[in-house]
């Protein structure tokens, strides 16, 4: 049996050569610990049942019950269109508001007192929704499909239109007063015939609302959206309005495309 003997210097040189040969292949993977823990080692994704952000437009109808804290009952219904973005939901709405007498308002009409109120009218809405939380939900009963739930804050600007308010008013005056935050004297006079007994017509033309809503999306592109809104009296002082507080409960049903 033959033995190969190497001088001490030769062994050291061989070890150094082997280490030098391996270093280039491993060196590019070596990082300081501080840098290693800061690097992204993976990604996570949130479960999405229906990706509403990838849709183009939502259309539907809604019904609402305004509570204006007076003796009159109101009911509101209309249509809406919504345009989603990555961070916000833009909504446009057109509705009509019916106003009804109650026993209390009829009794009030027998006295010399009058209560602030708003006659029947058209309303144009522009709203912005800000998603606060969302996720996949399972429903009861078990056969009901899972859905995507989005909990959002909503901010709304509403424009009130009284069709009979501009009767007999010159077109030039209509253009000027239609942008004013309060109804003109001519409009108030024209609305005297359409107001309910015992009602003093409120002069507000614009109203602001803020509230919370839940959008529930299903796989078959349908959505249901209950919402609660409260009036924000920022414009009430400008319009000299006596109706500074109001609540509204609404439910929208539609489809997303």
C-alpha atoms as a PDB file:
ATOM      1  CA  UNK A   1       0.000   0.000   0.000  1.00  0.00           C
ATOM      2  CA  UNK A   2       1.428   3.336  -1.041  1.00  0.00           C
ATOM      3  CA  UNK A   3       1.072   6.420   1.126  1.00  0.00           C
ATOM      4  CA  UNK A   4       1.140   9.943  -0.202  1.00  0.00           C
ATOM      5  CA  UNK A   5       2.842  12.380   2.100  1.00  0.00           C
ATOM      6  CA  UNK A   6       2.353  16.082   1.874  1.00  0.00           C
ATOM      7  CA  UNK A   7       4.419  18.720   3.478  1.00  0.00           C
ATOM      8  CA  UNK A   8       2.620  20.866   6.095  1.00  0.00           C
ATOM      9  CA  UNK A   9       2.795  23.873   3.836  1.00  0.00           C
ATOM     10  CA  UNK A  10       1.346  21.910   0.939  1.00  0.00           C
ATOM     11  CA  UNK A  11      -1.659  20.751   3.061  1.00  0.00           C
ATOM     12  CA  UNK A  12      -2.375  24.294   4.143  1.00  0.00           C
ATOM     13  CA  UNK A  13      -2.169  25.472   0.569  1.00  0.00           C
ATOM     14  CA  UNK A  14      -4.570  22.736  -0.546  1.00  0.00           C
ATOM     15  CA  UNK A  15      -7.117  23.686   2.138  1.00  0.00           C
ATOM     16  CA  UNK A  16      -6.824  27.354   1.239  1.00  0.00           C
ATOM     17  CA  UNK A  17      -7.303  26.539  -2.436  1.00  0.00           C
ATOM     18  CA  UNK A  18     -10.438  24.473  -1.692  1.00  0.00           C
ATOM     19  CA  UNK A  19     -11.945  27.251   0.447  1.00  0.00           C
ATOM     20  CA  UNK A  20     -11.131  29.844  -2.192  1.00  0.00           C
ATOM     21  CA  UNK A  21     -12.806  27.684  -4.825  1.00  0.00           C
ATOM     22  CA  UNK A  22     -16.035  27.371  -2.797  1.00  0.00           C
ATOM     23  CA  UNK A  23     -16.210  30.985  -1.663  1.00  0.00           C
ATOM     24  CA  UNK A  24     -17.379  32.507  -4.958  1.00  0.00           C
ATOM     25  CA  UNK A  25     -20.347  30.097  -5.209  1.00  0.00           C
ATOM     26  CA  UNK A  26     -21.575  30.777  -1.645  1.00  0.00           C
ATOM     27  CA  UNK A  27     -20.604  34.384  -1.257  1.00  0.00           C
ATOM     28  CA  UNK A  28     -23.547  35.767  -3.205  1.00  0.00           C
ATOM     29  CA  UNK A  29     -25.924  34.075  -0.740  1.00  0.00           C
ATOM     30  CA  UNK A  30     -24.298  35.499   2.369  1.00  0.00           C
ATOM     31  CA  UNK A  31     -26.070  38.450   4.051  1.00  0.00           C
ATOM     32  CA  UNK A  32     -25.726  40.109   7.442  1.00  0.00           C
ATOM     33  CA  UNK A  33     -28.400  38.975   9.926  1.00  0.00           C
ATOM     34  CA  UNK A  34     -29.873  42.490  10.214  1.00  0.00           C
ATOM     35  CA  UNK A  35     -30.406  42.650   6.461  1.00  0.00           C
ATOM     36  CA  UNK A  36     -31.757  39.093   6.307  1.00  0.00           C
ATOM     37  CA  UNK A  37     -34.566  39.723   8.799  1.00  0.00           C
ATOM     38  CA  UNK A  38     -35.572  42.880   6.914  1.00  0.00           C
ATOM     39  CA  UNK A  39     -35.898  41.133   3.565  1.00  0.00           C
ATOM     40  CA  UNK A  40     -39.256  39.841   2.342  1.00  0.00           C
ATOM     41  CA  UNK A  41     -39.280  36.095   2.678  1.00  0.00           C
ATOM     42  CA  UNK A  42     -42.859  35.584   1.445  1.00  0.00           C
ATOM     43  CA  UNK A  43     -46.206  37.168   0.701  1.00  0.00           C
ATOM     44  CA  UNK A  44     -49.714  36.549   1.978  1.00  0.00           C
ATOM     45  CA  UNK A  45     -53.006  37.199   0.237  1.00  0.00           C
ATOM     46  CA  UNK A  46     -56.438  37.999   1.680  1.00  0.00           C
ATOM     47  CA  UNK A  47     -59.372  35.797   0.730  1.00  0.00           C
ATOM     48  CA  UNK A  48     -61.755  37.468  -1.716  1.00  0.00           C
ATOM     49  CA  UNK A  49     -65.094  35.948  -2.629  1.00  0.00           C
ATOM     50  CA  UNK A  50     -66.120  38.701  -5.037  1.00  0.00           C
ATOM     51  CA  UNK A  51     -63.564  41.255  -6.226  1.00  0.00           C
ATOM     52  CA  UNK A  52     -65.792  44.345  -6.469  1.00  0.00           C
ATOM     53  CA  UNK A  53     -62.778  46.554  -7.229  1.00  0.00           C
ATOM     54  CA  UNK A  54     -62.396  44.803 -10.602  1.00  0.00           C
ATOM     55  CA  UNK A  55     -65.941  45.610 -11.659  1.00  0.00           C
ATOM     56  CA  UNK A  56     -66.791  48.594 -13.867  1.00  0.00           C
ATOM     57  CA  UNK A  57     -70.175  49.858 -12.735  1.00  0.00           C
ATOM     58  CA  UNK A  58     -72.930  48.940 -10.282  1.00  0.00           C
ATOM     59  CA  UNK A  59     -76.590  49.764 -10.940  1.00  0.00           C
ATOM     60  CA  UNK A  60     -79.625  49.249  -8.757  1.00  0.00           C
ATOM     61  CA  UNK A  61     -82.571  50.679  -6.930  1.00  0.00           C
ATOM     62  CA  UNK A  62     -83.107  51.697  -3.326  1.00  0.00           C
ATOM     63  CA  UNK A  63     -85.768  52.610  -0.805  1.00  0.00           C
ATOM     64  CA  UNK A  64     -85.255  54.806   2.246  1.00  0.00           C
ATOM     65  CA  UNK A  65     -87.109  55.949   5.330  1.00  0.00           C
ATOM     66  CA  UNK A  66     -86.103  59.528   6.271  1.00  0.00           C
ATOM     67  CA  UNK A  67     -86.716  60.608   9.850  1.00  0.00           C
ATOM     68  CA  UNK A  68     -86.757  64.421   9.915  1.00  0.00           C
ATOM     69  CA  UNK A  69     -87.987  64.766  13.512  1.00  0.00           C
ATOM     70  CA  UNK A  70     -91.271  66.447  12.708  1.00  0.00           C
ATOM     71  CA  UNK A  71     -94.885  65.290  12.519  1.00  0.00           C
ATOM     72  CA  UNK A  72     -94.748  64.254   8.845  1.00  0.00           C
ATOM     73  CA  UNK A  73     -93.888  60.883   7.399  1.00  0.00           C
ATOM     74  CA  UNK A  74     -91.617  60.580   4.368  1.00  0.00           C
ATOM     75  CA  UNK A  75     -90.695  57.771   2.012  1.00  0.00           C
ATOM     76  CA  UNK A  76     -87.886  57.918  -0.538  1.00  0.00           C
ATOM     77  CA  UNK A  77     -87.156  55.656  -3.509  1.00  0.00           C
ATOM     78  CA  UNK A  78     -84.929  55.900  -6.565  1.00  0.00           C
ATOM     79  CA  UNK A  79     -82.128  54.497  -8.703  1.00  0.00           C
ATOM     80  CA  UNK A  80     -78.373  54.614  -8.283  1.00  0.00           C
ATOM     81  CA  UNK A  81     -75.149  54.015 -10.188  1.00  0.00           C
ATOM     82  CA  UNK A  82     -71.818  53.277  -8.522  1.00  0.00           C
ATOM     83  CA  UNK A  83     -68.279  53.344  -9.886  1.00  0.00           C
ATOM     84  CA  UNK A  84     -65.616  51.533  -7.817  1.00  0.00           C
ATOM     85  CA  UNK A  85     -61.919  52.339  -7.591  1.00  0.00           C
ATOM     86  CA  UNK A  86     -59.035  50.751  -5.690  1.00  0.00           C
ATOM     87  CA  UNK A  87     -59.644  52.911  -2.617  1.00  0.00           C
ATOM     88  CA  UNK A  88     -63.107  54.512  -2.921  1.00  0.00           C
ATOM     89  CA  UNK A  89     -66.649  53.953  -4.136  1.00  0.00           C
ATOM     90  CA  UNK A  90     -68.326  56.785  -6.082  1.00  0.00           C
ATOM     91  CA  UNK A  91     -72.121  56.801  -6.124  1.00  0.00           C
ATOM     92  CA  UNK A  92     -74.745  58.838  -7.986  1.00  0.00           C
ATOM     93  CA  UNK A  93     -78.433  58.685  -7.172  1.00  0.00           C
ATOM     94  CA  UNK A  94     -81.768  60.105  -8.311  1.00  0.00           C
ATOM     95  CA  UNK A  95     -84.854  59.740  -6.145  1.00  0.00           C
ATOM     96  CA  UNK A  96     -88.310  61.049  -5.339  1.00  0.00           C
ATOM     97  CA  UNK A  97     -89.577  61.764  -1.831  1.00  0.00           C
ATOM     98  CA  UNK A  98     -93.231  61.370  -0.894  1.00  0.00           C
ATOM     99  CA  UNK A  99     -94.464  63.207   2.208  1.00  0.00           C
ATOM    100  CA  UNK A 100     -97.603  62.221   4.122  1.00  0.00           C
ATOM    101  CA  UNK A 101     -99.773  63.722   6.810  1.00  0.00           C
ATOM    102  CA  UNK A 102    -100.155  62.153  10.227  1.00  0.00           C
ATOM    103  CA  UNK A 103    -102.756  62.572  12.925  1.00  0.00           C
ATOM    104  CA  UNK A 104    -100.368  64.852  14.793  1.00  0.00           C
ATOM    105  CA  UNK A 105     -99.803  67.086  11.758  1.00  0.00           C
ATOM    106  CA  UNK A 106    -103.557  67.311  11.181  1.00  0.00           C
ATOM    107  CA  UNK A 107    -104.086  68.448  14.744  1.00  0.00           C
ATOM    108  CA  UNK A 108    -101.236  70.941  14.409  1.00  0.00           C
ATOM    109  CA  UNK A 109    -102.922  72.413  11.332  1.00  0.00           C
ATOM    110  CA  UNK A 110    -105.929  73.348  13.500  1.00  0.00           C
ATOM    111  CA  UNK A 111    -103.738  75.674  15.550  1.00  0.00           C
ATOM    112  CA  UNK A 112    -101.926  78.869  14.512  1.00  0.00           C
ATOM    113  CA  UNK A 113     -98.557  77.091  14.922  1.00  0.00           C
ATOM    114  CA  UNK A 114     -96.470  75.825  12.006  1.00  0.00           C
ATOM    115  CA  UNK A 115     -93.735  73.188  11.928  1.00  0.00           C
ATOM    116  CA  UNK A 116     -90.697  73.144   9.593  1.00  0.00           C
ATOM    117  CA  UNK A 117     -90.946  70.516   6.880  1.00  0.00           C
ATOM    118  CA  UNK A 118     -90.192  69.738   3.256  1.00  0.00           C
ATOM    119  CA  UNK A 119     -92.856  69.060   0.599  1.00  0.00           C
ATOM    120  CA  UNK A 120     -92.587  66.289  -1.997  1.00  0.00           C
ATOM    121  CA  UNK A 121     -89.470  66.677  -4.101  1.00  0.00           C
ATOM    122  CA  UNK A 122     -86.767  65.228  -6.319  1.00  0.00           C
ATOM    123  CA  UNK A 123     -83.299  64.624  -4.887  1.00  0.00           C
ATOM    124  CA  UNK A 124     -79.939  64.217  -6.597  1.00  0.00           C
ATOM    125  CA  UNK A 125     -77.192  62.523  -4.586  1.00  0.00           C
ATOM    126  CA  UNK A 126     -73.434  62.292  -4.876  1.00  0.00           C
ATOM    127  CA  UNK A 127     -71.755  59.992  -2.357  1.00  0.00           C
ATOM    128  CA  UNK A 128     -68.259  58.741  -1.620  1.00  0.00           C
ATOM    129  CA  UNK A 129     -67.720  55.453   0.182  1.00  0.00           C
ATOM    130  CA  UNK A 130     -64.513  54.675   2.093  1.00  0.00           C
ATOM    131  CA  UNK A 131     -64.031  50.932   2.823  1.00  0.00           C
ATOM    132  CA  UNK A 132     -63.051  50.371   6.458  1.00  0.00           C
ATOM    133  CA  UNK A 133     -63.076  46.562   6.692  1.00  0.00           C
ATOM    134  CA  UNK A 134     -63.927  43.657   4.428  1.00  0.00           C
ATOM    135  CA  UNK A 135     -63.789  39.909   4.227  1.00  0.00           C
ATOM    136  CA  UNK A 136     -65.527  36.693   3.277  1.00  0.00           C
ATOM    137  CA  UNK A 137     -68.571  35.682   5.326  1.00  0.00           C
ATOM    138  CA  UNK A 138     -70.545  32.466   5.584  1.00  0.00           C
ATOM    139  CA  UNK A 139     -74.274  32.681   6.095  1.00  0.00           C
ATOM    140  CA  UNK A 140     -77.063  30.733   7.685  1.00  0.00           C
ATOM    141  CA  UNK A 141     -78.560  28.463   6.451  1.00  0.00           C
ATOM    142  CA  UNK A 142     -75.556  26.499   5.221  1.00  0.00           C
ATOM    143  CA  UNK A 143     -76.859  26.152   1.667  1.00  0.00           C
ATOM    144  CA  UNK A 144     -76.785  29.946   1.263  1.00  0.00           C
ATOM    145  CA  UNK A 145     -73.643  30.939  -0.679  1.00  0.00           C
ATOM    146  CA  UNK A 146     -70.708  32.680   0.952  1.00  0.00           C
ATOM    147  CA  UNK A 147     -70.387  36.382   0.200  1.00  0.00           C
ATOM    148  CA  UNK A 148     -68.000  39.313   0.295  1.00  0.00           C
ATOM    149  CA  UNK A 149     -68.841  41.871   3.011  1.00  0.00           C
ATOM    150  CA  UNK A 150     -67.507  45.445   2.857  1.00  0.00           C
ATOM    151  CA  UNK A 151     -68.077  47.790   5.816  1.00  0.00           C
ATOM    152  CA  UNK A 152     -67.713  51.422   4.700  1.00  0.00           C
ATOM    153  CA  UNK A 153     -68.100  55.029   5.801  1.00  0.00           C
ATOM    154  CA  UNK A 154     -70.193  57.173   3.456  1.00  0.00           C
ATOM    155  CA  UNK A 155     -70.273  60.926   2.850  1.00  0.00           C
ATOM    156  CA  UNK A 156     -73.146  62.390   0.868  1.00  0.00           C
ATOM    157  CA  UNK A 157     -74.064  65.710  -0.775  1.00  0.00           C
ATOM    158  CA  UNK A 158     -77.762  65.984  -1.655  1.00  0.00           C
ATOM    159  CA  UNK A 159     -79.469  68.523  -3.908  1.00  0.00           C
ATOM    160  CA  UNK A 160     -83.202  69.125  -3.405  1.00  0.00           C
ATOM    161  CA  UNK A 161     -85.444  70.012  -6.367  1.00  0.00           C
ATOM    162  CA  UNK A 162     -89.039  71.174  -5.951  1.00  0.00           C
ATOM    163  CA  UNK A 163     -90.674  70.911  -9.422  1.00  0.00           C
ATOM    164  CA  UNK A 164     -93.361  73.494  -8.677  1.00  0.00           C
ATOM    165  CA  UNK A 165     -90.960  75.945  -7.037  1.00  0.00           C
ATOM    166  CA  UNK A 166     -89.940  77.693 -10.279  1.00  0.00           C
ATOM    167  CA  UNK A 167     -93.410  78.106 -11.786  1.00  0.00           C
ATOM    168  CA  UNK A 168     -93.750  81.598 -13.220  1.00  0.00           C
ATOM    169  CA  UNK A 169     -90.125  82.505 -12.404  1.00  0.00           C
ATOM    170  CA  UNK A 170     -87.977  83.977 -15.165  1.00  0.00           C
ATOM    171  CA  UNK A 171     -85.319  81.674 -16.583  1.00  0.00           C
ATOM    172  CA  UNK A 172     -82.547  84.119 -15.663  1.00  0.00           C
ATOM    173  CA  UNK A 173     -83.678  84.103 -12.044  1.00  0.00           C
ATOM    174  CA  UNK A 174     -83.904  80.309 -12.043  1.00  0.00           C
ATOM    175  CA  UNK A 175     -80.242  79.973 -13.035  1.00  0.00           C
ATOM    176  CA  UNK A 176     -79.164  82.336 -10.277  1.00  0.00           C
ATOM    177  CA  UNK A 177     -81.264  80.899  -7.461  1.00  0.00           C
ATOM    178  CA  UNK A 178     -80.710  77.232  -8.344  1.00  0.00           C
ATOM    179  CA  UNK A 179     -77.099  77.490  -7.147  1.00  0.00           C
ATOM    180  CA  UNK A 180     -77.993  79.271  -3.924  1.00  0.00           C
ATOM    181  CA  UNK A 181     -77.895  77.156  -0.733  1.00  0.00           C
ATOM    182  CA  UNK A 182     -81.377  78.390   0.211  1.00  0.00           C
ATOM    183  CA  UNK A 183     -84.717  78.621  -1.557  1.00  0.00           C
ATOM    184  CA  UNK A 184     -85.696  82.040  -2.897  1.00  0.00           C
ATOM    185  CA  UNK A 185     -88.794  83.969  -1.797  1.00  0.00           C
ATOM    186  CA  UNK A 186     -90.436  83.204  -5.159  1.00  0.00           C
ATOM    187  CA  UNK A 187     -89.942  79.474  -4.616  1.00  0.00           C
ATOM    188  CA  UNK A 188     -91.335  79.606  -1.090  1.00  0.00           C
ATOM    189  CA  UNK A 189     -94.405  81.433  -2.391  1.00  0.00           C
ATOM    190  CA  UNK A 190     -94.913  78.870  -5.178  1.00  0.00           C
ATOM    191  CA  UNK A 191     -94.588  75.973  -2.720  1.00  0.00           C
ATOM    192  CA  UNK A 192     -97.382  77.297  -0.543  1.00  0.00           C
ATOM    193  CA  UNK A 193     -99.916  75.251  -2.504  1.00  0.00           C
ATOM    194  CA  UNK A 194     -97.875  72.015  -2.385  1.00  0.00           C
ATOM    195  CA  UNK A 195     -96.974  72.079   1.302  1.00  0.00           C
ATOM    196  CA  UNK A 196     -99.007  69.997   3.733  1.00  0.00           C
ATOM    197  CA  UNK A 197    -101.321  71.674   6.268  1.00  0.00           C
ATOM    198  CA  UNK A 198     -99.438  72.984   9.272  1.00  0.00           C
ATOM    199  CA  UNK A 199     -96.089  72.934   7.429  1.00  0.00           C
ATOM    200  CA  UNK A 200     -93.624  75.787   7.155  1.00  0.00           C
ATOM    201  CA  UNK A 201     -91.410  75.089   4.144  1.00  0.00           C
ATOM    202  CA  UNK A 202     -87.757  74.741   5.076  1.00  0.00           C
ATOM    203  CA  UNK A 203     -85.409  76.791   2.868  1.00  0.00           C
ATOM    204  CA  UNK A 204     -82.597  74.241   2.572  1.00  0.00           C
ATOM    205  CA  UNK A 205     -81.512  73.380  -0.997  1.00  0.00           C
ATOM    206  CA  UNK A 206     -78.364  71.340  -0.166  1.00  0.00           C
ATOM    207  CA  UNK A 207     -77.927  68.831   2.634  1.00  0.00           C
ATOM    208  CA  UNK A 208     -74.881  66.916   3.855  1.00  0.00           C
ATOM    209  CA  UNK A 209     -75.001  63.406   5.297  1.00  0.00           C
ATOM    210  CA  UNK A 210     -72.474  61.027   6.819  1.00  0.00           C
ATOM    211  CA  UNK A 211     -72.955  57.464   7.935  1.00  0.00           C
ATOM    212  CA  UNK A 212     -72.053  53.803   7.807  1.00  0.00           C
ATOM    213  CA  UNK A 213     -73.093  51.074   5.412  1.00  0.00           C
ATOM    214  CA  UNK A 214     -72.510  47.427   4.621  1.00  0.00           C
ATOM    215  CA  UNK A 215     -72.202  46.171   1.053  1.00  0.00           C
ATOM    216  CA  UNK A 216     -72.753  42.427   0.639  1.00  0.00           C
ATOM    217  CA  UNK A 217     -71.637  40.995  -2.722  1.00  0.00           C
ATOM    218  CA  UNK A 218     -72.610  37.551  -4.022  1.00  0.00           C
ATOM    219  CA  UNK A 219     -70.943  35.384  -6.676  1.00  0.00           C
ATOM    220  CA  UNK A 220     -73.790  35.952  -9.116  1.00  0.00           C
ATOM    221  CA  UNK A 221     -72.888  39.696  -9.265  1.00  0.00           C
ATOM    222  CA  UNK A 222     -75.733  40.816  -7.021  1.00  0.00           C
ATOM    223  CA  UNK A 223     -75.252  43.159  -4.075  1.00  0.00           C
ATOM    224  CA  UNK A 224     -77.356  44.228  -1.090  1.00  0.00           C
ATOM    225  CA  UNK A 225     -76.444  47.444   0.729  1.00  0.00           C
ATOM    226  CA  UNK A 226     -78.151  48.565   3.971  1.00  0.00           C
ATOM    227  CA  UNK A 227     -77.072  51.980   5.228  1.00  0.00           C
ATOM    228  CA  UNK A 228     -77.677  54.432   8.081  1.00  0.00           C
ATOM    229  CA  UNK A 229     -77.007  58.145   7.527  1.00  0.00           C
ATOM    230  CA  UNK A 230     -77.243  61.240   9.719  1.00  0.00           C
ATOM    231  CA  UNK A 231     -77.391  64.827   8.519  1.00  0.00           C
ATOM    232  CA  UNK A 232     -74.392  67.092   9.081  1.00  0.00           C
ATOM    233  CA  UNK A 233     -75.632  70.662   9.756  1.00  0.00           C
ATOM    234  CA  UNK A 234     -72.720  72.494   8.099  1.00  0.00           C
ATOM    235  CA  UNK A 235     -74.929  74.128   5.455  1.00  0.00           C
ATOM    236  CA  UNK A 236     -77.987  74.543   7.696  1.00  0.00           C
ATOM    237  CA  UNK A 237     -76.723  77.804   9.194  1.00  0.00           C
ATOM    238  CA  UNK A 238     -76.103  79.282   5.737  1.00  0.00           C
ATOM    239  CA  UNK A 239     -79.595  78.335   4.586  1.00  0.00           C
ATOM    240  CA  UNK A 240     -81.151  79.493   7.872  1.00  0.00           C
ATOM    241  CA  UNK A 241     -82.669  76.047   8.195  1.00  0.00           C
ATOM    242  CA  UNK A 242     -84.616  74.941  11.244  1.00  0.00           C
ATOM    243  CA  UNK A 243     -84.196  71.268  10.306  1.00  0.00           C
ATOM    244  CA  UNK A 244     -80.632  70.635  11.408  1.00  0.00           C
ATOM    245  CA  UNK A 245     -80.898  66.978  12.363  1.00  0.00           C
ATOM    246  CA  UNK A 246     -82.259  64.028  10.383  1.00  0.00           C
ATOM    247  CA  UNK A 247     -81.692  60.289  10.142  1.00  0.00           C
ATOM    248  CA  UNK A 248     -82.158  58.026   7.156  1.00  0.00           C
ATOM    249  CA  UNK A 249     -82.337  54.250   6.865  1.00  0.00           C
ATOM    250  CA  UNK A 250     -81.959  52.843   3.353  1.00  0.00           C
ATOM    251  CA  UNK A 251     -81.609  49.547   1.528  1.00  0.00           C
ATOM    252  CA  UNK A 252     -80.204  49.216  -1.989  1.00  0.00           C
ATOM    253  CA  UNK A 253     -80.319  46.127  -4.230  1.00  0.00           C
ATOM    254  CA  UNK A 254     -78.525  45.876  -7.542  1.00  0.00           C
ATOM    255  CA  UNK A 255     -76.009  44.188  -9.808  1.00  0.00           C
ATOM    256  CA  UNK A 256     -72.294  44.730 -10.414  1.00  0.00           C
ATOM    257  CA  UNK A 257     -70.820  44.492 -13.912  1.00  0.00           C
END
